[in-house]
Amino acid sequence: MSDSLWRDERAIEGLPIRLVIALVVGVACLSVMMSTISGIETLQVTEVDIEPHPEVTDPGTQDVVVTVVDSKGSPVSGATVVAKSGTATLSSVTTGETDGAGNVTLSLSPSLGPNQQDGTVTFEVKPPAGSNYEDARSNTDLLVVESP
Protein backbone atom coordinates (compact mmCIF):
# COMPACT_ATOMS: atom_id res chain seq x y z
CA MET A 1 0.00 0.00 0.00
CA SER A 2 2.80 2.45 0.80
CA ASP A 3 4.16 1.69 -2.68
CA SER A 4 0.92 2.89 -4.27
CA LEU A 5 1.09 6.29 -2.50
CA TRP A 6 4.59 6.88 -3.82
CA ARG A 7 3.47 6.24 -7.37
CA ASP A 8 0.30 8.36 -7.18
CA GLU A 9 1.25 11.76 -8.68
CA ARG A 10 -2.08 13.41 -7.69
CA ALA A 11 -1.20 13.22 -4.01
CA ILE A 12 1.93 15.30 -4.47
CA GLU A 13 0.50 17.78 -6.97
CA GLY A 14 -3.03 18.05 -5.49
CA LEU A 15 -2.03 18.76 -1.91
CA PRO A 16 -0.36 22.15 -2.40
CA ILE A 17 -3.15 23.56 -4.59
CA ARG A 18 -5.73 22.53 -1.98
CA LEU A 19 -3.73 24.23 0.73
CA VAL A 20 -3.48 27.41 -1.36
CA ILE A 21 -7.25 27.41 -1.97
CA ALA A 22 -7.97 26.82 1.74
CA LEU A 23 -5.61 29.65 2.69
CA VAL A 24 -7.16 32.13 0.22
CA VAL A 25 -10.71 31.25 1.32
CA GLY A 26 -9.71 31.45 5.01
CA VAL A 27 -8.11 34.89 4.63
CA ALA A 28 -11.15 36.18 2.71
CA CYS A 29 -13.53 34.90 5.42
CA LEU A 30 -11.38 36.39 8.17
CA SER A 31 -11.35 39.83 6.53
CA VAL A 32 -15.15 39.77 6.13
CA MET A 33 -15.59 38.80 9.80
CA MET A 34 -13.19 41.51 11.01
CA SER A 35 -14.92 44.24 9.02
CA THR A 36 -18.30 43.08 10.34
CA ILE A 37 -17.10 43.10 13.95
CA SER A 38 -15.49 46.54 13.68
CA GLY A 39 -18.70 47.93 12.18
CA ILE A 40 -20.86 46.88 15.12
CA GLU A 41 -20.73 49.77 17.56
CA THR A 42 -23.92 48.89 19.42
CA LEU A 43 -22.20 46.01 21.20
CA GLN A 44 -19.73 48.35 22.89
CA VAL A 45 -20.56 49.43 26.44
CA THR A 46 -19.34 52.79 27.72
CA GLU A 47 -18.57 53.42 31.39
CA VAL A 48 -20.02 56.55 32.98
CA ASP A 49 -18.61 58.64 35.82
CA ILE A 50 -19.77 61.65 37.76
CA GLU A 51 -18.23 65.04 38.45
CA PRO A 52 -19.63 66.72 41.60
CA HIS A 53 -19.41 70.52 41.89
CA PRO A 54 -18.07 71.39 44.41
CA GLU A 55 -15.89 68.35 45.05
CA VAL A 56 -15.28 69.33 48.70
CA THR A 57 -17.99 70.69 50.98
CA ASP A 58 -18.84 71.42 54.61
CA PRO A 59 -21.45 69.54 56.66
CA GLY A 60 -24.96 71.01 56.41
CA THR A 61 -27.59 71.59 53.74
CA GLN A 62 -26.39 72.72 50.33
CA ASP A 63 -26.95 72.17 46.63
CA VAL A 64 -24.45 70.02 44.76
CA VAL A 65 -24.42 69.97 40.95
CA VAL A 66 -23.54 66.51 39.65
CA THR A 67 -22.52 66.04 36.00
CA VAL A 68 -22.68 62.56 34.46
CA VAL A 69 -20.09 62.03 31.71
CA ASP A 70 -19.01 59.12 29.54
CA SER A 71 -15.43 57.90 29.08
CA LYS A 72 -14.77 60.66 26.51
CA GLY A 73 -16.06 63.42 28.83
CA SER A 74 -19.32 63.93 26.93
CA PRO A 75 -22.41 64.63 29.07
CA VAL A 76 -25.02 61.88 29.49
CA SER A 77 -28.64 63.05 29.63
CA GLY A 78 -31.50 61.06 31.14
CA ALA A 79 -29.34 59.25 33.70
CA THR A 80 -30.55 58.88 37.29
CA VAL A 81 -28.03 59.88 39.98
CA VAL A 82 -28.37 58.36 43.45
CA ALA A 83 -26.56 59.99 46.41
CA LYS A 84 -26.01 57.76 49.46
CA SER A 85 -24.21 57.91 52.77
CA GLY A 86 -20.60 56.91 52.60
CA THR A 87 -18.45 57.68 55.61
CA ALA A 88 -20.47 60.91 55.94
CA THR A 89 -24.12 60.45 56.91
CA LEU A 90 -27.13 61.54 54.86
CA SER A 91 -30.61 61.49 56.42
CA SER A 92 -32.01 59.81 53.28
CA VAL A 93 -31.09 58.67 49.79
CA THR A 94 -31.40 61.52 47.26
CA THR A 95 -32.04 61.00 43.54
CA GLY A 96 -32.35 63.12 40.43
CA GLU A 97 -32.31 62.83 36.64
CA THR A 98 -29.75 64.58 34.45
CA ASP A 99 -30.84 67.22 31.94
CA GLY A 100 -29.64 67.67 28.35
CA ALA A 101 -26.26 68.97 29.58
CA GLY A 102 -25.79 65.92 31.85
CA ASN A 103 -26.36 67.98 35.03
CA VAL A 104 -28.59 67.38 38.03
CA THR A 105 -28.78 69.53 41.18
CA LEU A 106 -29.14 67.57 44.43
CA SER A 107 -29.92 69.14 47.79
CA LEU A 108 -27.73 67.26 50.28
CA SER A 109 -27.34 67.54 54.07
CA PRO A 110 -24.24 65.54 54.95
CA SER A 111 -23.20 65.25 58.60
CA LEU A 112 -20.13 63.88 60.33
CA GLY A 113 -19.98 61.83 63.50
CA PRO A 114 -18.33 62.97 66.74
CA ASN A 115 -14.55 63.32 66.40
CA GLN A 116 -14.86 62.75 62.64
CA GLN A 117 -12.93 65.34 60.63
CA ASP A 118 -13.99 64.21 57.15
CA GLY A 119 -16.21 61.77 55.28
CA THR A 120 -17.64 61.01 51.87
CA VAL A 121 -20.99 60.93 50.09
CA THR A 122 -21.09 58.24 47.40
CA PHE A 123 -22.91 58.34 44.07
CA GLU A 124 -24.38 55.67 41.80
CA VAL A 125 -25.60 56.22 38.26
CA LYS A 126 -28.50 54.40 36.65
CA PRO A 127 -27.90 54.91 32.89
CA PRO A 128 -30.81 55.78 30.59
CA ALA A 129 -32.87 52.75 29.56
CA GLY A 130 -31.88 51.28 26.22
CA SER A 131 -28.51 53.04 26.15
CA ASN A 132 -25.06 51.49 25.81
CA TYR A 133 -23.88 53.00 29.12
CA GLU A 134 -23.08 51.18 32.33
CA ASP A 135 -21.90 52.12 35.80
CA ALA A 136 -19.74 49.17 36.83
CA ARG A 137 -16.84 50.98 38.51
CA SER A 138 -16.91 53.23 41.56
CA ASN A 139 -17.62 56.90 40.96
CA THR A 140 -16.04 60.07 42.29
CA ASP A 141 -17.14 60.76 45.87
CA LEU A 142 -18.10 64.10 47.41
CA LEU A 143 -15.65 64.90 50.22
CA VAL A 144 -17.21 66.40 53.35
CA VAL A 145 -14.70 68.22 55.60
CA GLU A 146 -15.34 69.75 59.02
CA SER A 147 -14.08 73.34 59.11
CA PRO A 148 -11.50 73.94 61.86
C-alpha atoms as a PDB file:
ATOM      1  CA  MET A   1       0.000   0.000   0.000  1.00  0.00           C
ATOM      2  CA  SER A   2       2.799   2.448   0.797  1.00  0.00           C
ATOM      3  CA  ASP A   3       4.163   1.686  -2.676  1.00  0.00           C
ATOM      4  CA  SER A   4       0.917   2.892  -4.274  1.00  0.00           C
ATOM      5  CA  LEU A   5       1.095   6.286  -2.503  1.00  0.00           C
ATOM      6  CA  TRP A   6       4.595   6.879  -3.818  1.00  0.00           C
ATOM      7  CA  ARG A   7       3.470   6.244  -7.365  1.00  0.00           C
ATOM      8  CA  ASP A   8       0.298   8.362  -7.180  1.00  0.00           C
ATOM      9  CA  GLU A   9       1.253  11.755  -8.682  1.00  0.00           C
ATOM     10  CA  ARG A  10      -2.077  13.407  -7.691  1.00  0.00           C
ATOM     11  CA  ALA A  11      -1.204  13.218  -4.015  1.00  0.00           C
ATOM     12  CA  ILE A  12       1.931  15.301  -4.467  1.00  0.00           C
ATOM     13  CA  GLU A  13       0.503  17.785  -6.966  1.00  0.00           C
ATOM     14  CA  GLY A  14      -3.031  18.051  -5.486  1.00  0.00           C
ATOM     15  CA  LEU A  15      -2.026  18.758  -1.913  1.00  0.00           C
ATOM     16  CA  PRO A  16      -0.358  22.154  -2.404  1.00  0.00           C
ATOM     17  CA  ILE A  17      -3.152  23.563  -4.590  1.00  0.00           C
ATOM     18  CA  ARG A  18      -5.733  22.527  -1.983  1.00  0.00           C
ATOM     19  CA  LEU A  19      -3.732  24.229   0.727  1.00  0.00           C
ATOM     20  CA  VAL A  20      -3.480  27.407  -1.355  1.00  0.00           C
ATOM     21  CA  ILE A  21      -7.252  27.412  -1.970  1.00  0.00           C
ATOM     22  CA  ALA A  22      -7.968  26.825   1.735  1.00  0.00           C
ATOM     23  CA  LEU A  23      -5.606  29.646   2.690  1.00  0.00           C
ATOM     24  CA  VAL A  24      -7.159  32.130   0.223  1.00  0.00           C
ATOM     25  CA  VAL A  25     -10.711  31.252   1.323  1.00  0.00           C
ATOM     26  CA  GLY A  26      -9.714  31.451   5.008  1.00  0.00           C
ATOM     27  CA  VAL A  27      -8.113  34.894   4.629  1.00  0.00           C
ATOM     28  CA  ALA A  28     -11.149  36.178   2.709  1.00  0.00           C
ATOM     29  CA  CYS A  29     -13.527  34.903   5.419  1.00  0.00           C
ATOM     30  CA  LEU A  30     -11.378  36.390   8.169  1.00  0.00           C
ATOM     31  CA  SER A  31     -11.347  39.827   6.528  1.00  0.00           C
ATOM     32  CA  VAL A  32     -15.149  39.768   6.128  1.00  0.00           C
ATOM     33  CA  MET A  33     -15.594  38.804   9.796  1.00  0.00           C
ATOM     34  CA  MET A  34     -13.188  41.510  11.005  1.00  0.00           C
ATOM     35  CA  SER A  35     -14.920  44.242   9.015  1.00  0.00           C
ATOM     36  CA  THR A  36     -18.299  43.077  10.340  1.00  0.00           C
ATOM     37  CA  ILE A  37     -17.102  43.099  13.950  1.00  0.00           C
ATOM     38  CA  SER A  38     -15.491  46.541  13.680  1.00  0.00           C
ATOM     39  CA  GLY A  39     -18.705  47.929  12.177  1.00  0.00           C
ATOM     40  CA  ILE A  40     -20.861  46.878  15.122  1.00  0.00           C
ATOM     41  CA  GLU A  41     -20.734  49.772  17.556  1.00  0.00           C
ATOM     42  CA  THR A  42     -23.916  48.887  19.422  1.00  0.00           C
ATOM     43  CA  LEU A  43     -22.196  46.012  21.204  1.00  0.00           C
ATOM     44  CA  GLN A  44     -19.730  48.346  22.890  1.00  0.00           C
ATOM     45  CA  VAL A  45     -20.560  49.427  26.438  1.00  0.00           C
ATOM     46  CA  THR A  46     -19.344  52.786  27.717  1.00  0.00           C
ATOM     47  CA  GLU A  47     -18.568  53.416  31.393  1.00  0.00           C
ATOM     48  CA  VAL A  48     -20.019  56.545  32.983  1.00  0.00           C
ATOM     49  CA  ASP A  49     -18.612  58.642  35.822  1.00  0.00           C
ATOM     50  CA  ILE A  50     -19.770  61.654  37.764  1.00  0.00           C
ATOM     51  CA  GLU A  51     -18.228  65.044  38.452  1.00  0.00           C
ATOM     52  CA  PRO A  52     -19.627  66.718  41.599  1.00  0.00           C
ATOM     53  CA  HIS A  53     -19.409  70.522  41.894  1.00  0.00           C
ATOM     54  CA  PRO A  54     -18.073  71.390  44.409  1.00  0.00           C
ATOM     55  CA  GLU A  55     -15.888  68.346  45.052  1.00  0.00           C
ATOM     56  CA  VAL A  56     -15.282  69.327  48.696  1.00  0.00           C
ATOM     57  CA  THR A  57     -17.990  70.689  50.979  1.00  0.00           C
ATOM     58  CA  ASP A  58     -18.835  71.415  54.614  1.00  0.00           C
ATOM     59  CA  PRO A  59     -21.451  69.538  56.658  1.00  0.00           C
ATOM     60  CA  GLY A  60     -24.957  71.006  56.406  1.00  0.00           C
ATOM     61  CA  THR A  61     -27.588  71.589  53.740  1.00  0.00           C
ATOM     62  CA  GLN A  62     -26.392  72.722  50.329  1.00  0.00           C
ATOM     63  CA  ASP A  63     -26.947  72.165  46.629  1.00  0.00           C
ATOM     64  CA  VAL A  64     -24.448  70.015  44.763  1.00  0.00           C
ATOM     65  CA  VAL A  65     -24.425  69.973  40.946  1.00  0.00           C
ATOM     66  CA  VAL A  66     -23.540  66.513  39.648  1.00  0.00           C
ATOM     67  CA  THR A  67     -22.523  66.037  36.002  1.00  0.00           C
ATOM     68  CA  VAL A  68     -22.675  62.557  34.462  1.00  0.00           C
ATOM     69  CA  VAL A  69     -20.085  62.035  31.712  1.00  0.00           C
ATOM     70  CA  ASP A  70     -19.005  59.122  29.543  1.00  0.00           C
ATOM     71  CA  SER A  71     -15.433  57.904  29.083  1.00  0.00           C
ATOM     72  CA  LYS A  72     -14.768  60.663  26.513  1.00  0.00           C
ATOM     73  CA  GLY A  73     -16.063  63.423  28.829  1.00  0.00           C
ATOM     74  CA  SER A  74     -19.322  63.934  26.931  1.00  0.00           C
ATOM     75  CA  PRO A  75     -22.414  64.630  29.067  1.00  0.00           C
ATOM     76  CA  VAL A  76     -25.022  61.877  29.487  1.00  0.00           C
ATOM     77  CA  SER A  77     -28.638  63.053  29.632  1.00  0.00           C
ATOM     78  CA  GLY A  78     -31.501  61.058  31.139  1.00  0.00           C
ATOM     79  CA  ALA A  79     -29.337  59.246  33.704  1.00  0.00           C
ATOM     80  CA  THR A  80     -30.549  58.879  37.293  1.00  0.00           C
ATOM     81  CA  VAL A  81     -28.035  59.879  39.979  1.00  0.00           C
ATOM     82  CA  VAL A  82     -28.372  58.356  43.450  1.00  0.00           C
ATOM     83  CA  ALA A  83     -26.561  59.986  46.406  1.00  0.00           C
ATOM     84  CA  LYS A  84     -26.013  57.755  49.460  1.00  0.00           C
ATOM     85  CA  SER A  85     -24.214  57.908  52.774  1.00  0.00           C
ATOM     86  CA  GLY A  86     -20.596  56.915  52.596  1.00  0.00           C
ATOM     87  CA  THR A  87     -18.448  57.684  55.612  1.00  0.00           C
ATOM     88  CA  ALA A  88     -20.468  60.913  55.944  1.00  0.00           C
ATOM     89  CA  THR A  89     -24.118  60.455  56.906  1.00  0.00           C
ATOM     90  CA  LEU A  90     -27.135  61.542  54.857  1.00  0.00           C
ATOM     91  CA  SER A  91     -30.613  61.492  56.418  1.00  0.00           C
ATOM     92  CA  SER A  92     -32.008  59.807  53.281  1.00  0.00           C
ATOM     93  CA  VAL A  93     -31.091  58.674  49.788  1.00  0.00           C
ATOM     94  CA  THR A  94     -31.399  61.518  47.261  1.00  0.00           C
ATOM     95  CA  THR A  95     -32.035  60.996  43.544  1.00  0.00           C
ATOM     96  CA  GLY A  96     -32.352  63.124  40.431  1.00  0.00           C
ATOM     97  CA  GLU A  97     -32.308  62.828  36.643  1.00  0.00           C
ATOM     98  CA  THR A  98     -29.751  64.578  34.449  1.00  0.00           C
ATOM     99  CA  ASP A  99     -30.837  67.223  31.944  1.00  0.00           C
ATOM    100  CA  GLY A 100     -29.639  67.671  28.348  1.00  0.00           C
ATOM    101  CA  ALA A 101     -26.263  68.968  29.581  1.00  0.00           C
ATOM    102  CA  GLY A 102     -25.794  65.917  31.845  1.00  0.00           C
ATOM    103  CA  ASN A 103     -26.355  67.977  35.033  1.00  0.00           C
ATOM    104  CA  VAL A 104     -28.594  67.384  38.029  1.00  0.00           C
ATOM    105  CA  THR A 105     -28.782  69.526  41.183  1.00  0.00           C
ATOM    106  CA  LEU A 106     -29.137  67.566  44.429  1.00  0.00           C
ATOM    107  CA  SER A 107     -29.924  69.139  47.792  1.00  0.00           C
ATOM    108  CA  LEU A 108     -27.729  67.261  50.281  1.00  0.00           C
ATOM    109  CA  SER A 109     -27.343  67.543  54.073  1.00  0.00           C
ATOM    110  CA  PRO A 110     -24.236  65.540  54.950  1.00  0.00           C
ATOM    111  CA  SER A 111     -23.198  65.250  58.596  1.00  0.00           C
ATOM    112  CA  LEU A 112     -20.134  63.879  60.327  1.00  0.00           C
ATOM    113  CA  GLY A 113     -19.975  61.830  63.497  1.00  0.00           C
ATOM    114  CA  PRO A 114     -18.327  62.966  66.741  1.00  0.00           C
ATOM    115  CA  ASN A 115     -14.547  63.324  66.398  1.00  0.00           C
ATOM    116  CA  GLN A 116     -14.856  62.745  62.640  1.00  0.00           C
ATOM    117  CA  GLN A 117     -12.934  65.340  60.626  1.00  0.00           C
ATOM    118  CA  ASP A 118     -13.994  64.207  57.148  1.00  0.00           C
ATOM    119  CA  GLY A 119     -16.209  61.772  55.280  1.00  0.00           C
ATOM    120  CA  THR A 120     -17.644  61.012  51.875  1.00  0.00           C
ATOM    121  CA  VAL A 121     -20.987  60.931  50.090  1.00  0.00           C
ATOM    122  CA  THR A 122     -21.094  58.240  47.405  1.00  0.00           C
ATOM    123  CA  PHE A 123     -22.914  58.340  44.073  1.00  0.00           C
ATOM    124  CA  GLU A 124     -24.379  55.675  41.804  1.00  0.00           C
ATOM    125  CA  VAL A 125     -25.597  56.220  38.256  1.00  0.00           C
ATOM    126  CA  LYS A 126     -28.505  54.398  36.653  1.00  0.00           C
ATOM    127  CA  PRO A 127     -27.905  54.909  32.894  1.00  0.00           C
ATOM    128  CA  PRO A 128     -30.810  55.776  30.591  1.00  0.00           C
ATOM    129  CA  ALA A 129     -32.869  52.749  29.564  1.00  0.00           C
ATOM    130  CA  GLY A 130     -31.884  51.278  26.218  1.00  0.00           C
ATOM    131  CA  SER A 131     -28.507  53.040  26.153  1.00  0.00           C
ATOM    132  CA  ASN A 132     -25.062  51.491  25.810  1.00  0.00           C
ATOM    133  CA  TYR A 133     -23.882  53.004  29.120  1.00  0.00           C
ATOM    134  CA  GLU A 134     -23.084  51.178  32.332  1.00  0.00           C
ATOM    135  CA  ASP A 135     -21.902  52.119  35.802  1.00  0.00           C
ATOM    136  CA  ALA A 136     -19.744  49.173  36.827  1.00  0.00           C
ATOM    137  CA  ARG A 137     -16.842  50.982  38.512  1.00  0.00           C
ATOM    138  CA  SER A 138     -16.915  53.227  41.556  1.00  0.00           C
ATOM    139  CA  ASN A 139     -17.619  56.898  40.965  1.00  0.00           C
ATOM    140  CA  THR A 140     -16.037  60.071  42.289  1.00  0.00           C
ATOM    141  CA  ASP A 141     -17.139  60.764  45.869  1.00  0.00           C
ATOM    142  CA  LEU A 142     -18.098  64.095  47.409  1.00  0.00           C
ATOM    143  CA  LEU A 143     -15.652  64.896  50.220  1.00  0.00           C
ATOM    144  CA  VAL A 144     -17.206  66.401  53.353  1.00  0.00           C
ATOM    145  CA  VAL A 145     -14.703  68.218  55.596  1.00  0.00           C
ATOM    146  CA  GLU A 146     -15.342  69.751  59.020  1.00  0.00           C
ATOM    147  CA  SER A 147     -14.084  73.336  59.114  1.00  0.00           C
ATOM    148  CA  PRO A 148     -11.496  73.935  61.858  1.00  0.00           C
END
